[in-house]
Amino acid sequence: MHAVNWAETLSKLAEAGVAPADVERDLTERGVLHEALVIDIGQPVDAVVVAELRPVTRSVGLSLGDRFCLALGRRLGLPVLTADRAWSALVVGVDVQVVR
């Protein structure tokens, strides 16, 4: 998971009243964080890809975080998972898998 997306996830949890530090500690203690879930801090090239994706993803409303997710998938050559069906119509050099 890109660090930008991890920050978004923790922010949503914080809005719901869950302490981000508690989530991080719990997931680390359970062997999820840093093992099954690895946070990638990103590379400068990610910002370039994010900017390049803006014109081709604007029509489906992808956010900055969405585009960082796609950029990481592209850089690592891995599929990205999303619950947003609009992503499935994208042709951006990344295998997009809709999970619901």
N, C-alpha and C. Protein backbone atom coordinates (compact mmCIF):
# COMPACT_ATOMS: atom_id res chain seq x y z
N MET A 1 0.85 -1.16 0.00
CA MET A 1 0.00 0.00 0.00
C MET A 1 0.90 1.23 0.00
N HIS A 2 0.55 2.19 -0.82
CA HIS A 2 1.32 3.44 -0.86
C HIS A 2 1.09 4.21 0.44
N ALA A 3 2.10 4.90 0.91
CA ALA A 3 2.01 5.68 2.15
C ALA A 3 0.87 6.69 2.08
N VAL A 4 0.61 7.23 0.90
CA VAL A 4 -0.50 8.18 0.74
C VAL A 4 -1.83 7.49 1.05
N ASN A 5 -2.00 6.27 0.55
CA ASN A 5 -3.23 5.53 0.79
C ASN A 5 -3.34 5.07 2.25
N TRP A 6 -2.21 4.75 2.85
CA TRP A 6 -2.20 4.39 4.27
C TRP A 6 -2.64 5.60 5.10
N ALA A 7 -2.15 6.79 4.75
CA ALA A 7 -2.54 8.01 5.46
C ALA A 7 -4.05 8.26 5.31
N GLU A 8 -4.58 8.00 4.11
CA GLU A 8 -6.03 8.16 3.89
C GLU A 8 -6.82 7.18 4.76
N THR A 9 -6.36 5.96 4.83
CA THR A 9 -7.03 4.93 5.63
C THR A 9 -7.04 5.32 7.10
N LEU A 10 -5.89 5.72 7.61
CA LEU A 10 -5.80 6.14 9.01
C LEU A 10 -6.65 7.39 9.27
N SER A 11 -6.71 8.29 8.29
CA SER A 11 -7.52 9.50 8.45
C SER A 11 -9.00 9.17 8.56
N LYS A 12 -9.47 8.23 7.74
CA LYS A 12 -10.88 7.81 7.81
C LYS A 12 -11.18 7.18 9.16
N LEU A 13 -10.25 6.37 9.64
CA LEU A 13 -10.45 5.76 10.95
C LEU A 13 -10.46 6.82 12.05
N ALA A 14 -9.59 7.82 11.94
CA ALA A 14 -9.56 8.91 12.91
C ALA A 14 -10.88 9.66 12.92
N GLU A 15 -11.45 9.89 11.73
CA GLU A 15 -12.75 10.55 11.64
C GLU A 15 -13.83 9.74 12.35
N ALA A 16 -13.68 8.42 12.37
CA ALA A 16 -14.65 7.53 13.02
C ALA A 16 -14.36 7.35 14.50
N GLY A 17 -13.33 8.07 15.00
CA GLY A 17 -13.03 8.02 16.42
C GLY A 17 -12.01 6.96 16.83
N VAL A 18 -11.35 6.36 15.85
CA VAL A 18 -10.34 5.35 16.15
C VAL A 18 -8.97 6.01 16.08
N ALA A 19 -8.16 5.79 17.10
CA ALA A 19 -6.83 6.41 17.15
C ALA A 19 -5.89 5.73 16.16
N PRO A 20 -5.33 6.48 15.21
CA PRO A 20 -4.43 5.89 14.22
C PRO A 20 -3.25 5.14 14.83
N ALA A 21 -2.69 5.66 15.90
CA ALA A 21 -1.55 4.98 16.54
C ALA A 21 -1.98 3.62 17.10
N ASP A 22 -3.22 3.53 17.57
CA ASP A 22 -3.72 2.25 18.08
C ASP A 22 -3.86 1.24 16.94
N VAL A 23 -4.34 1.70 15.80
CA VAL A 23 -4.49 0.82 14.64
C VAL A 23 -3.12 0.31 14.21
N GLU A 24 -2.17 1.21 14.11
CA GLU A 24 -0.83 0.82 13.70
C GLU A 24 -0.22 -0.19 14.67
N ARG A 25 -0.36 0.08 15.95
CA ARG A 25 0.19 -0.82 16.97
C ARG A 25 -0.51 -2.20 16.91
N ASP A 26 -1.84 -2.20 16.80
CA ASP A 26 -2.59 -3.44 16.76
C ASP A 26 -2.22 -4.28 15.54
N LEU A 27 -2.16 -3.64 14.38
CA LEU A 27 -1.81 -4.38 13.16
C LEU A 27 -0.37 -4.90 13.19
N THR A 28 0.51 -4.14 13.81
CA THR A 28 1.90 -4.59 13.94
C THR A 28 1.98 -5.79 14.89
N GLU A 29 1.31 -5.69 16.03
CA GLU A 29 1.33 -6.78 17.01
C GLU A 29 0.72 -8.06 16.45
N ARG A 30 -0.26 -7.92 15.57
CA ARG A 30 -0.93 -9.09 14.98
C ARG A 30 -0.19 -9.64 13.77
N GLY A 31 0.92 -9.02 13.42
CA GLY A 31 1.72 -9.50 12.30
C GLY A 31 1.17 -9.13 10.93
N VAL A 32 0.28 -8.16 10.90
CA VAL A 32 -0.30 -7.74 9.61
C VAL A 32 0.56 -6.65 8.99
N LEU A 33 0.74 -5.57 9.72
CA LEU A 33 1.52 -4.44 9.21
C LEU A 33 2.98 -4.82 9.14
N HIS A 34 3.60 -4.52 8.02
CA HIS A 34 5.00 -4.81 7.72
C HIS A 34 5.23 -6.26 7.30
N GLU A 35 4.18 -7.07 7.28
CA GLU A 35 4.31 -8.46 6.84
C GLU A 35 3.32 -8.70 5.70
N ALA A 36 2.05 -8.89 6.02
CA ALA A 36 1.03 -9.08 4.97
C ALA A 36 0.72 -7.75 4.30
N LEU A 37 0.78 -6.68 5.06
CA LEU A 37 0.53 -5.33 4.54
C LEU A 37 1.82 -4.53 4.67
N VAL A 38 2.39 -4.21 3.53
CA VAL A 38 3.65 -3.45 3.50
C VAL A 38 3.34 -2.05 2.99
N ILE A 39 3.83 -1.06 3.71
CA ILE A 39 3.63 0.34 3.31
C ILE A 39 4.85 0.79 2.52
N ASP A 40 4.60 1.24 1.29
CA ASP A 40 5.66 1.73 0.40
C ASP A 40 5.68 3.25 0.51
N ILE A 41 6.83 3.80 0.88
CA ILE A 41 6.90 5.25 1.10
C ILE A 41 6.91 6.05 -0.20
N GLY A 42 7.04 5.38 -1.31
CA GLY A 42 6.97 6.06 -2.60
C GLY A 42 8.32 6.46 -3.15
N GLN A 43 8.27 6.84 -4.41
CA GLN A 43 9.44 7.29 -5.16
C GLN A 43 9.05 8.55 -5.92
N PRO A 44 10.02 9.40 -6.26
CA PRO A 44 9.70 10.60 -7.03
C PRO A 44 8.94 10.29 -8.34
N VAL A 45 9.23 9.16 -8.96
CA VAL A 45 8.54 8.82 -10.19
C VAL A 45 7.04 8.64 -9.97
N ASP A 46 6.64 8.28 -8.75
CA ASP A 46 5.21 8.13 -8.47
C ASP A 46 4.49 9.46 -8.70
N ALA A 47 5.08 10.55 -8.29
CA ALA A 47 4.46 11.87 -8.47
C ALA A 47 4.30 12.20 -9.95
N VAL A 48 5.27 11.82 -10.75
CA VAL A 48 5.18 12.05 -12.20
C VAL A 48 4.02 11.24 -12.78
N VAL A 49 3.92 9.99 -12.40
CA VAL A 49 2.84 9.13 -12.91
C VAL A 49 1.48 9.65 -12.43
N VAL A 50 1.40 10.06 -11.17
CA VAL A 50 0.15 10.61 -10.64
C VAL A 50 -0.30 11.81 -11.47
N ALA A 51 0.63 12.69 -11.80
CA ALA A 51 0.30 13.86 -12.61
C ALA A 51 -0.12 13.46 -14.02
N GLU A 52 0.57 12.48 -14.60
CA GLU A 52 0.22 12.01 -15.94
C GLU A 52 -1.16 11.35 -15.96
N LEU A 53 -1.53 10.72 -14.87
CA LEU A 53 -2.83 10.05 -14.81
C LEU A 53 -4.00 11.02 -14.64
N ARG A 54 -3.73 12.22 -14.20
CA ARG A 54 -4.82 13.17 -13.94
C ARG A 54 -5.73 13.37 -15.15
N PRO A 55 -5.21 13.69 -16.34
CA PRO A 55 -6.12 13.94 -17.47
C PRO A 55 -6.92 12.69 -17.88
N VAL A 56 -6.33 11.52 -17.76
CA VAL A 56 -7.02 10.31 -18.23
C VAL A 56 -7.95 9.70 -17.18
N THR A 57 -7.88 10.17 -15.94
CA THR A 57 -8.74 9.62 -14.89
C THR A 57 -9.74 10.65 -14.35
N ARG A 58 -9.61 11.86 -14.79
CA ARG A 58 -10.47 12.93 -14.27
C ARG A 58 -11.95 12.65 -14.51
N SER A 59 -12.26 12.09 -15.68
CA SER A 59 -13.66 11.86 -16.04
C SER A 59 -14.35 10.85 -15.11
N VAL A 60 -13.59 9.97 -14.48
CA VAL A 60 -14.19 9.02 -13.54
C VAL A 60 -13.99 9.44 -12.09
N GLY A 61 -13.41 10.62 -11.90
CA GLY A 61 -13.32 11.21 -10.57
C GLY A 61 -12.28 10.65 -9.64
N LEU A 62 -11.19 10.12 -10.17
CA LEU A 62 -10.16 9.57 -9.28
C LEU A 62 -9.46 10.67 -8.49
N SER A 63 -9.26 10.39 -7.23
CA SER A 63 -8.60 11.34 -6.34
C SER A 63 -7.09 11.22 -6.46
N LEU A 64 -6.41 12.10 -5.77
CA LEU A 64 -4.95 12.05 -5.71
C LEU A 64 -4.51 10.70 -5.13
N GLY A 65 -5.16 10.28 -4.06
CA GLY A 65 -4.83 9.00 -3.45
C GLY A 65 -5.08 7.83 -4.38
N ASP A 66 -6.18 7.88 -5.14
CA ASP A 66 -6.48 6.83 -6.11
C ASP A 66 -5.35 6.71 -7.13
N ARG A 67 -4.88 7.85 -7.57
CA ARG A 67 -3.82 7.85 -8.58
C ARG A 67 -2.49 7.38 -8.01
N PHE A 68 -2.23 7.66 -6.72
CA PHE A 68 -1.02 7.12 -6.09
C PHE A 68 -1.10 5.60 -6.01
N CYS A 69 -2.29 5.07 -5.76
CA CYS A 69 -2.48 3.62 -5.75
C CYS A 69 -2.14 3.04 -7.12
N LEU A 70 -2.64 3.65 -8.17
CA LEU A 70 -2.36 3.19 -9.53
C LEU A 70 -0.87 3.32 -9.86
N ALA A 71 -0.27 4.41 -9.43
CA ALA A 71 1.16 4.62 -9.71
C ALA A 71 2.01 3.54 -9.04
N LEU A 72 1.65 3.17 -7.81
CA LEU A 72 2.40 2.12 -7.12
C LEU A 72 2.22 0.79 -7.85
N GLY A 73 1.00 0.48 -8.23
CA GLY A 73 0.76 -0.75 -8.97
C GLY A 73 1.57 -0.80 -10.25
N ARG A 74 1.61 0.32 -10.94
CA ARG A 74 2.39 0.37 -12.19
C ARG A 74 3.87 0.17 -11.91
N ARG A 75 4.40 0.89 -10.91
CA ARG A 75 5.83 0.79 -10.60
C ARG A 75 6.23 -0.62 -10.20
N LEU A 76 5.40 -1.27 -9.41
CA LEU A 76 5.72 -2.61 -8.92
C LEU A 76 5.29 -3.73 -9.87
N GLY A 77 4.50 -3.35 -10.90
CA GLY A 77 4.01 -4.36 -11.83
C GLY A 77 3.01 -5.30 -11.18
N LEU A 78 2.22 -4.76 -10.25
CA LEU A 78 1.24 -5.56 -9.53
C LEU A 78 -0.17 -5.04 -9.79
N PRO A 79 -1.16 -5.92 -9.68
CA PRO A 79 -2.54 -5.45 -9.82
C PRO A 79 -2.93 -4.58 -8.63
N VAL A 80 -3.91 -3.72 -8.84
CA VAL A 80 -4.45 -2.92 -7.75
C VAL A 80 -5.88 -3.37 -7.49
N LEU A 81 -6.26 -3.32 -6.23
CA LEU A 81 -7.60 -3.72 -5.81
C LEU A 81 -8.41 -2.48 -5.48
N THR A 82 -9.67 -2.48 -5.89
CA THR A 82 -10.56 -1.37 -5.59
C THR A 82 -11.98 -1.87 -5.46
N ALA A 83 -12.78 -1.13 -4.74
CA ALA A 83 -14.21 -1.41 -4.66
C ALA A 83 -14.97 -0.47 -5.59
N ASP A 84 -14.27 0.41 -6.27
CA ASP A 84 -14.88 1.41 -7.17
C ASP A 84 -14.93 0.85 -8.60
N ARG A 85 -16.11 0.49 -9.04
CA ARG A 85 -16.29 -0.11 -10.37
C ARG A 85 -15.83 0.80 -11.52
N ALA A 86 -15.84 2.10 -11.29
CA ALA A 86 -15.43 3.04 -12.34
C ALA A 86 -13.98 2.79 -12.78
N TRP A 87 -13.16 2.28 -11.89
CA TRP A 87 -11.76 2.01 -12.21
C TRP A 87 -11.63 0.95 -13.30
N SER A 88 -12.59 0.03 -13.37
CA SER A 88 -12.47 -1.09 -14.32
C SER A 88 -12.49 -0.62 -15.77
N ALA A 89 -12.99 0.57 -16.02
CA ALA A 89 -13.03 1.11 -17.38
C ALA A 89 -11.72 1.78 -17.78
N LEU A 90 -10.82 1.94 -16.84
CA LEU A 90 -9.57 2.65 -17.11
C LEU A 90 -8.58 1.78 -17.87
N VAL A 91 -7.87 2.41 -18.78
CA VAL A 91 -6.77 1.77 -19.49
C VAL A 91 -5.55 2.63 -19.18
N VAL A 92 -4.83 2.25 -18.11
CA VAL A 92 -3.72 3.08 -17.62
C VAL A 92 -2.45 2.28 -17.37
N GLY A 93 -2.38 1.09 -17.93
CA GLY A 93 -1.17 0.28 -17.76
C GLY A 93 -1.07 -0.44 -16.43
N VAL A 94 -2.22 -0.62 -15.80
CA VAL A 94 -2.27 -1.30 -14.51
C VAL A 94 -3.45 -2.27 -14.54
N ASP A 95 -3.25 -3.47 -14.02
CA ASP A 95 -4.34 -4.45 -13.89
C ASP A 95 -5.19 -4.03 -12.71
N VAL A 96 -6.43 -3.60 -12.96
CA VAL A 96 -7.34 -3.16 -11.92
C VAL A 96 -8.32 -4.30 -11.64
N GLN A 97 -8.40 -4.70 -10.38
CA GLN A 97 -9.31 -5.76 -9.98
C GLN A 97 -10.35 -5.21 -9.01
N VAL A 98 -11.61 -5.28 -9.41
CA VAL A 98 -12.71 -4.80 -8.57
C VAL A 98 -13.07 -5.91 -7.59
N VAL A 99 -13.09 -5.59 -6.31
CA VAL A 99 -13.24 -6.60 -5.27
C VAL A 99 -14.68 -6.81 -4.80
N ARG A 100 -15.60 -6.01 -5.27
CA ARG A 100 -17.01 -6.26 -4.91
C ARG A 100 -17.92 -5.83 -6.01
